[in-house]
């Protein structure tokens, strides 16, 4: 109910504005500039992080051996029993 009251009060204010003269103004430009700067910083950071990625595809046999080694249980110092 509050939304309908707000809309009915704001509609007359909107009709007073000239539709040909309404512009985003300085605030719109500032918001756009901040968003553009943020996107630029994100892209710069992404390029830096992607540059650190070193991907070399391994042959299938080497990949299988690595997977088998990862699946084998490893004994840690905490697993050893002391008597």
PDB file of N, CA and C in Angstrom:
ATOM      1  N   UNK A   1       0.817  -1.189   0.000  1.00  0.00           N
ATOM      2  CA  UNK A   1       0.000   0.000   0.000  1.00  0.00           C
ATOM      3  C   UNK A   1       0.864   1.258   0.000  1.00  0.00           C
ATOM      4  N   UNK A   2       1.997   1.212   0.662  1.00  0.00           N
ATOM      5  CA  UNK A   2       2.870   2.373   0.702  1.00  0.00           C
ATOM      6  C   UNK A   2       3.452   2.671  -0.682  1.00  0.00           C
ATOM      7  N   UNK A   3       3.738   1.634  -1.464  1.00  0.00           N
ATOM      8  CA  UNK A   3       4.302   1.836  -2.797  1.00  0.00           C
ATOM      9  C   UNK A   3       3.319   2.574  -3.697  1.00  0.00           C
ATOM     10  N   UNK A   4       2.055   2.225  -3.609  1.00  0.00           N
ATOM     11  CA  UNK A   4       1.065   2.895  -4.460  1.00  0.00           C
ATOM     12  C   UNK A   4       0.906   4.356  -4.054  1.00  0.00           C
ATOM     13  N   UNK A   5       0.996   4.637  -2.778  1.00  0.00           N
ATOM     14  CA  UNK A   5       0.906   6.022  -2.337  1.00  0.00           C
ATOM     15  C   UNK A   5       2.107   6.834  -2.819  1.00  0.00           C
ATOM     16  N   UNK A   6       3.273   6.225  -2.756  1.00  0.00           N
ATOM     17  CA  UNK A   6       4.476   6.923  -3.210  1.00  0.00           C
ATOM     18  C   UNK A   6       4.411   7.200  -4.702  1.00  0.00           C
ATOM     19  N   UNK A   7       3.922   6.225  -5.474  1.00  0.00           N
ATOM     20  CA  UNK A   7       3.831   6.408  -6.915  1.00  0.00           C
ATOM     21  C   UNK A   7       2.835   7.506  -7.252  1.00  0.00           C
ATOM     22  N   UNK A   8       1.708   7.527  -6.581  1.00  0.00           N
ATOM     23  CA  UNK A   8       0.705   8.553  -6.885  1.00  0.00           C
ATOM     24  C   UNK A   8       1.196   9.948  -6.512  1.00  0.00           C
ATOM     25  N   UNK A   9       2.080  10.058  -5.536  1.00  0.00           N
ATOM     26  CA  UNK A   9       2.616  11.365  -5.177  1.00  0.00           C
ATOM     27  C   UNK A   9       3.750  11.788  -6.103  1.00  0.00           C
ATOM     28  N   UNK A  10       4.495  10.825  -6.678  1.00  0.00           N
ATOM     29  CA  UNK A  10       5.622  11.165  -7.536  1.00  0.00           C
ATOM     30  C   UNK A  10       5.221  11.396  -8.985  1.00  0.00           C
ATOM     31  N   UNK A  11       4.096  10.864  -9.420  1.00  0.00           N
ATOM     32  CA  UNK A  11       3.675  11.024 -10.817  1.00  0.00           C
ATOM     33  C   UNK A  11       3.468  12.492 -11.174  1.00  0.00           C
ATOM     34  N   UNK A  12       2.821  13.310 -10.353  1.00  0.00           N
ATOM     35  CA  UNK A  12       2.681  14.729 -10.714  1.00  0.00           C
ATOM     36  C   UNK A  12       4.030  15.448 -10.803  1.00  0.00           C
ATOM     37  N   UNK A  13       5.016  15.045  -9.980  1.00  0.00           N
ATOM     38  CA  UNK A  13       6.329  15.671 -10.045  1.00  0.00           C
ATOM     39  C   UNK A  13       7.024  15.336 -11.365  1.00  0.00           C
ATOM     40  N   UNK A  14       6.842  14.132 -11.856  1.00  0.00           N
ATOM     41  CA  UNK A  14       7.481  13.722 -13.101  1.00  0.00           C
ATOM     42  C   UNK A  14       6.882  14.461 -14.291  1.00  0.00           C
ATOM     43  N   UNK A  15       5.621  14.810 -14.229  1.00  0.00           N
ATOM     44  CA  UNK A  15       4.991  15.505 -15.348  1.00  0.00           C
ATOM     45  C   UNK A  15       5.446  16.959 -15.422  1.00  0.00           C
ATOM     46  N   UNK A  16       5.945  17.502 -14.331  1.00  0.00           N
ATOM     47  CA  UNK A  16       6.410  18.886 -14.346  1.00  0.00           C
ATOM     48  C   UNK A  16       7.739  19.024 -15.080  1.00  0.00           C
ATOM     49  N   UNK A  17       8.531  17.959 -15.148  1.00  0.00           N
ATOM     50  CA  UNK A  17       9.818  18.016 -15.823  1.00  0.00           C
ATOM     51  C   UNK A  17       9.615  17.975 -17.332  1.00  0.00           C
ATOM     52  N   UNK A  18      10.439  18.754 -18.042  1.00  0.00           N
ATOM     53  CA  UNK A  18      10.391  18.738 -19.499  1.00  0.00           C
ATOM     54  C   UNK A  18      11.190  17.535 -19.984  1.00  0.00           C
ATOM     55  N   UNK A  19      10.557  16.611 -20.703  1.00  0.00           N
ATOM     56  CA  UNK A  19      11.194  15.370 -21.144  1.00  0.00           C
ATOM     57  C   UNK A  19      12.358  15.632 -22.094  1.00  0.00           C
ATOM     58  N   UNK A  20      12.396  16.752 -22.779  1.00  0.00           N
ATOM     59  CA  UNK A  20      13.466  17.057 -23.716  1.00  0.00           C
ATOM     60  C   UNK A  20      14.703  17.632 -23.029  1.00  0.00           C
ATOM     61  N   UNK A  21      14.578  18.067 -21.786  1.00  0.00           N
ATOM     62  CA  UNK A  21      15.688  18.698 -21.081  1.00  0.00           C
ATOM     63  C   UNK A  21      16.261  17.841 -19.953  1.00  0.00           C
ATOM     64  N   UNK A  22      15.726  16.665 -19.737  1.00  0.00           N
ATOM     65  CA  UNK A  22      16.205  15.822 -18.650  1.00  0.00           C
ATOM     66  C   UNK A  22      17.489  15.125 -19.088  1.00  0.00           C
ATOM     67  N   UNK A  23      18.558  15.289 -18.288  1.00  0.00           N
ATOM     68  CA  UNK A  23      19.848  14.661 -18.570  1.00  0.00           C
ATOM     69  C   UNK A  23      20.327  13.948 -17.311  1.00  0.00           C
ATOM     70  N   UNK A  24      21.282  13.032 -17.448  1.00  0.00           N
ATOM     71  CA  UNK A  24      21.791  12.341 -16.265  1.00  0.00           C
ATOM     72  C   UNK A  24      22.534  13.276 -15.318  1.00  0.00           C
ATOM     73  N   UNK A  25      23.120  14.314 -15.824  1.00  0.00           N
ATOM     74  CA  UNK A  25      23.785  15.297 -14.976  1.00  0.00           C
ATOM     75  C   UNK A  25      25.150  14.847 -14.500  1.00  0.00           C
ATOM     76  N   UNK A  26      25.675  15.616 -13.572  1.00  0.00           N
ATOM     77  CA  UNK A  26      27.014  15.372 -13.046  1.00  0.00           C
ATOM     78  C   UNK A  26      27.054  14.074 -12.248  1.00  0.00           C
ATOM     79  N   UNK A  27      26.020  13.805 -11.472  1.00  0.00           N
ATOM     80  CA  UNK A  27      25.991  12.584 -10.664  1.00  0.00           C
ATOM     81  C   UNK A  27      26.021  11.346 -11.558  1.00  0.00           C
ATOM     82  N   UNK A  28      25.290  11.371 -12.650  1.00  0.00           N
ATOM     83  CA  UNK A  28      25.310  10.251 -13.585  1.00  0.00           C
ATOM     84  C   UNK A  28      26.685  10.046 -14.187  1.00  0.00           C
ATOM     85  N   UNK A  29      27.363  11.139 -14.522  1.00  0.00           N
ATOM     86  CA  UNK A  29      28.717  11.037 -15.069  1.00  0.00           C
ATOM     87  C   UNK A  29      29.681  10.481 -14.039  1.00  0.00           C
ATOM     88  N   UNK A  30      29.574  10.929 -12.797  1.00  0.00           N
ATOM     89  CA  UNK A  30      30.470  10.448 -11.738  1.00  0.00           C
ATOM     90  C   UNK A  30      30.264   8.953 -11.509  1.00  0.00           C
ATOM     91  N   UNK A  31      29.013   8.524 -11.459  1.00  0.00           N
ATOM     92  CA  UNK A  31      28.728   7.096 -11.256  1.00  0.00           C
ATOM     93  C   UNK A  31      29.291   6.287 -12.416  1.00  0.00           C
ATOM     94  N   UNK A  32      29.085   6.747 -13.632  1.00  0.00           N
ATOM     95  CA  UNK A  32      29.606   6.045 -14.801  1.00  0.00           C
ATOM     96  C   UNK A  32      31.129   5.996 -14.780  1.00  0.00           C
ATOM     97  N   UNK A  33      31.776   7.096 -14.420  1.00  0.00           N
ATOM     98  CA  UNK A  33      33.237   7.147 -14.381  1.00  0.00           C
ATOM     99  C   UNK A  33      33.784   6.197 -13.315  1.00  0.00           C
ATOM    100  N   UNK A  34      33.133   6.138 -12.160  1.00  0.00           N
ATOM    101  CA  UNK A  34      33.578   5.231 -11.095  1.00  0.00           C
ATOM    102  C   UNK A  34      33.426   3.778 -11.539  1.00  0.00           C
ATOM    103  N   UNK A  35      32.307   3.463 -12.186  1.00  0.00           N
ATOM    104  CA  UNK A  35      32.105   2.093 -12.676  1.00  0.00           C
ATOM    105  C   UNK A  35      33.127   1.742 -13.751  1.00  0.00           C
ATOM    106  N   UNK A  36      33.417   2.670 -14.656  1.00  0.00           N
ATOM    107  CA  UNK A  36      34.407   2.420 -15.697  1.00  0.00           C
ATOM    108  C   UNK A  36      35.789   2.220 -15.082  1.00  0.00           C
ATOM    109  N   UNK A  37      36.125   3.009 -14.089  1.00  0.00           N
ATOM    110  CA  UNK A  37      37.408   2.840 -13.401  1.00  0.00           C
ATOM    111  C   UNK A  37      37.493   1.500 -12.684  1.00  0.00           C
ATOM    112  N   UNK A  38      36.412   1.076 -12.064  1.00  0.00           N
ATOM    113  CA  UNK A  38      36.393  -0.223 -11.397  1.00  0.00           C
ATOM    114  C   UNK A  38      36.562  -1.367 -12.369  1.00  0.00           C
ATOM    115  N   UNK A  39      35.893  -1.282 -13.516  1.00  0.00           N
ATOM    116  CA  UNK A  39      36.042  -2.328 -14.539  1.00  0.00           C
ATOM    117  C   UNK A  39      37.473  -2.349 -15.060  1.00  0.00           C
ATOM    118  N   UNK A  40      38.061  -1.189 -15.261  1.00  0.00           N
ATOM    119  CA  UNK A  40      39.445  -1.128 -15.734  1.00  0.00           C
ATOM    120  C   UNK A  40      40.397  -1.769 -14.720  1.00  0.00           C
ATOM    121  N   UNK A  41      40.203  -1.481 -13.433  1.00  0.00           N
ATOM    122  CA  UNK A  41      41.049  -2.082 -12.401  1.00  0.00           C
ATOM    123  C   UNK A  41      40.854  -3.596 -12.331  1.00  0.00           C
ATOM    124  N   UNK A  42      39.620  -4.065 -12.470  1.00  0.00           N
ATOM    125  CA  UNK A  42      39.359  -5.504 -12.471  1.00  0.00           C
ATOM    126  C   UNK A  42      40.031  -6.187 -13.656  1.00  0.00           C
ATOM    127  N   UNK A  43      39.970  -5.576 -14.824  1.00  0.00           N
ATOM    128  CA  UNK A  43      40.605  -6.153 -16.004  1.00  0.00           C
ATOM    129  C   UNK A  43      42.132  -6.183 -15.836  1.00  0.00           C
ATOM    130  N   UNK A  44      42.692  -5.138 -15.266  1.00  0.00           N
ATOM    131  CA  UNK A  44      44.129  -5.091 -15.030  1.00  0.00           C
ATOM    132  C   UNK A  44      44.550  -6.192 -14.057  1.00  0.00           C
ATOM    133  N   UNK A  45      43.767  -6.385 -12.996  1.00  0.00           N
ATOM    134  CA  UNK A  45      44.054  -7.436 -12.029  1.00  0.00           C
ATOM    135  C   UNK A  45      43.908  -8.817 -12.656  1.00  0.00           C
ATOM    136  N   UNK A  46      42.871  -9.001 -13.476  1.00  0.00           N
ATOM    137  CA  UNK A  46      42.664 -10.292 -14.123  1.00  0.00           C
ATOM    138  C   UNK A  46      43.830 -10.613 -15.054  1.00  0.00           C
ATOM    139  N   UNK A  47      44.298  -9.640 -15.819  1.00  0.00           N
ATOM    140  CA  UNK A  47      45.430  -9.870 -16.712  1.00  0.00           C
ATOM    141  C   UNK A  47      46.684 -10.247 -15.926  1.00  0.00           C
ATOM    142  N   UNK A  48      46.888  -9.609 -14.781  1.00  0.00           N
ATOM    143  CA  UNK A  48      48.044  -9.926 -13.950  1.00  0.00           C
ATOM    144  C   UNK A  48      47.949 -11.361 -13.429  1.00  0.00           C
ATOM    145  N   UNK A  49      46.760 -11.762 -12.964  1.00  0.00           N
ATOM    146  CA  UNK A  49      46.588 -13.110 -12.439  1.00  0.00           C
ATOM    147  C   UNK A  49      46.665 -14.162 -13.551  1.00  0.00           C
ATOM    148  N   UNK A  50      46.125 -13.866 -14.709  1.00  0.00           N
ATOM    149  CA  UNK A  50      46.181 -14.816 -15.810  1.00  0.00           C
ATOM    150  C   UNK A  50      47.614 -14.967 -16.328  1.00  0.00           C
ATOM    151  N   UNK A  51      48.418 -13.930 -16.179  1.00  0.00           N
ATOM    152  CA  UNK A  51      49.817 -14.022 -16.583  1.00  0.00           C
ATOM    153  C   UNK A  51      50.613 -14.977 -15.705  1.00  0.00           C
ATOM    154  N   UNK A  52      50.175 -15.171 -14.467  1.00  0.00           N
ATOM    155  CA  UNK A  52      50.857 -16.080 -13.549  1.00  0.00           C
ATOM    156  C   UNK A  52      50.536 -17.542 -13.839  1.00  0.00           C
ATOM    157  N   UNK A  53      49.481 -17.814 -14.574  1.00  0.00           N
ATOM    158  CA  UNK A  53      49.073 -19.183 -14.854  1.00  0.00           C
ATOM    159  C   UNK A  53      50.029 -19.791 -15.865  1.00  0.00           C
ATOM    160  N   UNK A  54      50.592 -20.936 -15.502  1.00  0.00           N
ATOM    161  CA  UNK A  54      51.499 -21.652 -16.396  1.00  0.00           C
ATOM    162  C   UNK A  54      50.878 -23.014 -16.661  1.00  0.00           C
ATOM    163  N   UNK A  55      50.281 -23.180 -17.812  1.00  0.00           N
ATOM    164  CA  UNK A  55      49.572 -24.410 -18.141  1.00  0.00           C
ATOM    165  C   UNK A  55      50.298 -25.137 -19.254  1.00  0.00           C
ATOM    166  N   UNK A  56      50.738 -26.337 -18.950  1.00  0.00           N
ATOM    167  CA  UNK A  56      51.306 -27.215 -19.957  1.00  0.00           C
ATOM    168  C   UNK A  56      50.533 -28.520 -19.902  1.00  0.00           C
ATOM    169  N   UNK A  57      50.004 -28.936 -21.024  1.00  0.00           N
ATOM    170  CA  UNK A  57      49.235 -30.167 -21.059  1.00  0.00           C
ATOM    171  C   UNK A  57      50.190 -31.350 -21.014  1.00  0.00           C
ATOM    172  N   UNK A  58      49.922 -32.277 -20.082  1.00  0.00           N
ATOM    173  CA  UNK A  58      50.758 -33.460 -19.934  1.00  0.00           C
ATOM    174  C   UNK A  58      50.224 -34.578 -20.825  1.00  0.00           C
ATOM    175  N   UNK A  59      51.090 -35.473 -21.237  1.00  0.00           N
ATOM    176  CA  UNK A  59      50.598 -36.643 -21.968  1.00  0.00           C
ATOM    177  C   UNK A  59      49.678 -37.473 -21.076  1.00  0.00           C
ATOM    178  N   UNK A  60      48.802 -38.270 -21.666  1.00  0.00           N
ATOM    179  CA  UNK A  60      47.802 -39.030 -20.908  1.00  0.00           C
ATOM    180  C   UNK A  60      48.455 -39.997 -19.930  1.00  0.00           C
ATOM    181  N   UNK A  61      49.562 -40.648 -20.294  1.00  0.00           N
ATOM    182  CA  UNK A  61      50.216 -41.609 -19.414  1.00  0.00           C
ATOM    183  C   UNK A  61      50.750 -40.933 -18.160  1.00  0.00           C
ATOM    184  N   UNK A  62      51.358 -39.779 -18.313  1.00  0.00           N
ATOM    185  CA  UNK A  62      51.888 -39.059 -17.156  1.00  0.00           C
ATOM    186  C   UNK A  62      50.754 -38.590 -16.255  1.00  0.00           C
ATOM    187  N   UNK A  63      49.640 -38.213 -16.838  1.00  0.00           N
ATOM    188  CA  UNK A  63      48.500 -37.767 -16.043  1.00  0.00           C
ATOM    189  C   UNK A  63      47.932 -38.922 -15.238  1.00  0.00           C
ATOM    190  N   UNK A  64      47.875 -40.133 -15.824  1.00  0.00           N
ATOM    191  CA  UNK A  64      47.350 -41.286 -15.098  1.00  0.00           C
ATOM    192  C   UNK A  64      48.266 -41.652 -13.940  1.00  0.00           C
ATOM    193  N   UNK A  65      49.577 -41.614 -14.155  1.00  0.00           N
ATOM    194  CA  UNK A  65      50.518 -41.930 -13.083  1.00  0.00           C
ATOM    195  C   UNK A  65      50.387 -40.927 -11.944  1.00  0.00           C
ATOM    196  N   UNK A  66      50.211 -39.670 -12.268  1.00  0.00           N
ATOM    197  CA  UNK A  66      50.066 -38.649 -11.240  1.00  0.00           C
ATOM    198  C   UNK A  66      48.775 -38.857 -10.465  1.00  0.00           C
ATOM    199  N   UNK A  67      47.688 -39.212 -11.154  1.00  0.00           N
ATOM    200  CA  UNK A  67      46.416 -39.463 -10.481  1.00  0.00           C
ATOM    201  C   UNK A  67      46.511 -40.666  -9.560  1.00  0.00           C
ATOM    202  N   UNK A  68      47.211 -41.730  -9.986  1.00  0.00           N
ATOM    203  CA  UNK A  68      47.368 -42.914  -9.147  1.00  0.00           C
ATOM    204  C   UNK A  68      48.193 -42.583  -7.916  1.00  0.00           C
ATOM    205  N   UNK A  69      49.216 -41.760  -8.071  1.00  0.00           N
ATOM    206  CA  UNK A  69      50.045 -41.379  -6.928  1.00  0.00           C
ATOM    207  C   UNK A  69      49.252 -40.532  -5.946  1.00  0.00           C
ATOM    208  N   UNK A  70      48.362 -39.728  -6.451  1.00  0.00           N
ATOM    209  CA  UNK A  70      47.547 -38.885  -5.566  1.00  0.00           C
ATOM    210  C   UNK A  70      46.516 -39.718  -4.815  1.00  0.00           C
ATOM    211  N   UNK A  71      46.042 -40.815  -5.420  1.00  0.00           N
ATOM    212  CA  UNK A  71      45.048 -41.660  -4.781  1.00  0.00           C
ATOM    213  C   UNK A  71      45.656 -42.564  -3.711  1.00  0.00           C
ATOM    214  N   UNK A  72      46.953 -42.855  -3.777  1.00  0.00           N
ATOM    215  CA  UNK A  72      47.597 -43.743  -2.812  1.00  0.00           C
ATOM    216  C   UNK A  72      47.634 -43.061  -1.451  1.00  0.00           C
ATOM    217  N   UNK A  73      47.321 -43.826  -0.383  1.00  0.00           N
ATOM    218  CA  UNK A  73      47.340 -43.225   0.968  1.00  0.00           C
ATOM    219  C   UNK A  73      48.780 -42.939   1.390  1.00  0.00           C
ATOM    220  N   UNK A  74      48.946 -41.828   2.055  1.00  0.00           N
ATOM    221  CA  UNK A  74      50.265 -41.426   2.520  1.00  0.00           C
ATOM    222  C   UNK A  74      50.276 -41.489   4.043  1.00  0.00           C
ATOM    223  N   UNK A  75      51.347 -41.995   4.615  1.00  0.00           N
ATOM    224  CA  UNK A  75      51.482 -42.073   6.068  1.00  0.00           C
ATOM    225  C   UNK A  75      52.071 -40.758   6.561  1.00  0.00           C
ATOM    226  N   UNK A  76      51.419 -40.174   7.515  1.00  0.00           N
ATOM    227  CA  UNK A  76      51.927 -38.924   8.078  1.00  0.00           C
ATOM    228  C   UNK A  76      52.492 -39.198   9.460  1.00  0.00           C
ATOM    229  N   UNK A  77      53.127 -38.217  10.044  1.00  0.00           N
ATOM    230  CA  UNK A  77      53.727 -38.374  11.353  1.00  0.00           C
ATOM    231  C   UNK A  77      52.668 -38.661  12.414  1.00  0.00           C
ATOM    232  N   UNK A  78      51.492 -38.161  12.253  1.00  0.00           N
ATOM    233  CA  UNK A  78      50.404 -38.382  13.219  1.00  0.00           C
ATOM    234  C   UNK A  78      49.839 -39.783  13.146  1.00  0.00           C
ATOM    235  N   UNK A  79      50.033 -40.495  12.006  1.00  0.00           N
ATOM    236  CA  UNK A  79      49.510 -41.850  11.845  1.00  0.00           C
ATOM    237  C   UNK A  79      50.382 -42.890  12.529  1.00  0.00           C
ATOM    238  N   UNK A  80      51.626 -42.564  12.810  1.00  0.00           N
ATOM    239  CA  UNK A  80      52.550 -43.526  13.425  1.00  0.00           C
ATOM    240  C   UNK A  80      52.199 -43.698  14.899  1.00  0.00           C
ATOM    241  N   UNK A  81      52.273 -44.938  15.334  1.00  0.00           N
ATOM    242  CA  UNK A  81      51.980 -45.210  16.739  1.00  0.00           C
ATOM    243  C   UNK A  81      53.288 -45.322  17.495  1.00  0.00           C
ATOM    244  N   UNK A  82      53.341 -44.705  18.637  1.00  0.00           N
ATOM    245  CA  UNK A  82      54.534 -44.796  19.472  1.00  0.00           C
ATOM    246  C   UNK A  82      54.265 -45.782  20.588  1.00  0.00           C
ATOM    247  N   UNK A  83      55.226 -46.590  20.911  1.00  0.00           N
ATOM    248  CA  UNK A  83      55.054 -47.572  22.000  1.00  0.00           C
ATOM    249  C   UNK A  83      55.941 -47.308  23.135  1.00  0.00           C
TER     250      UNK A  83
END
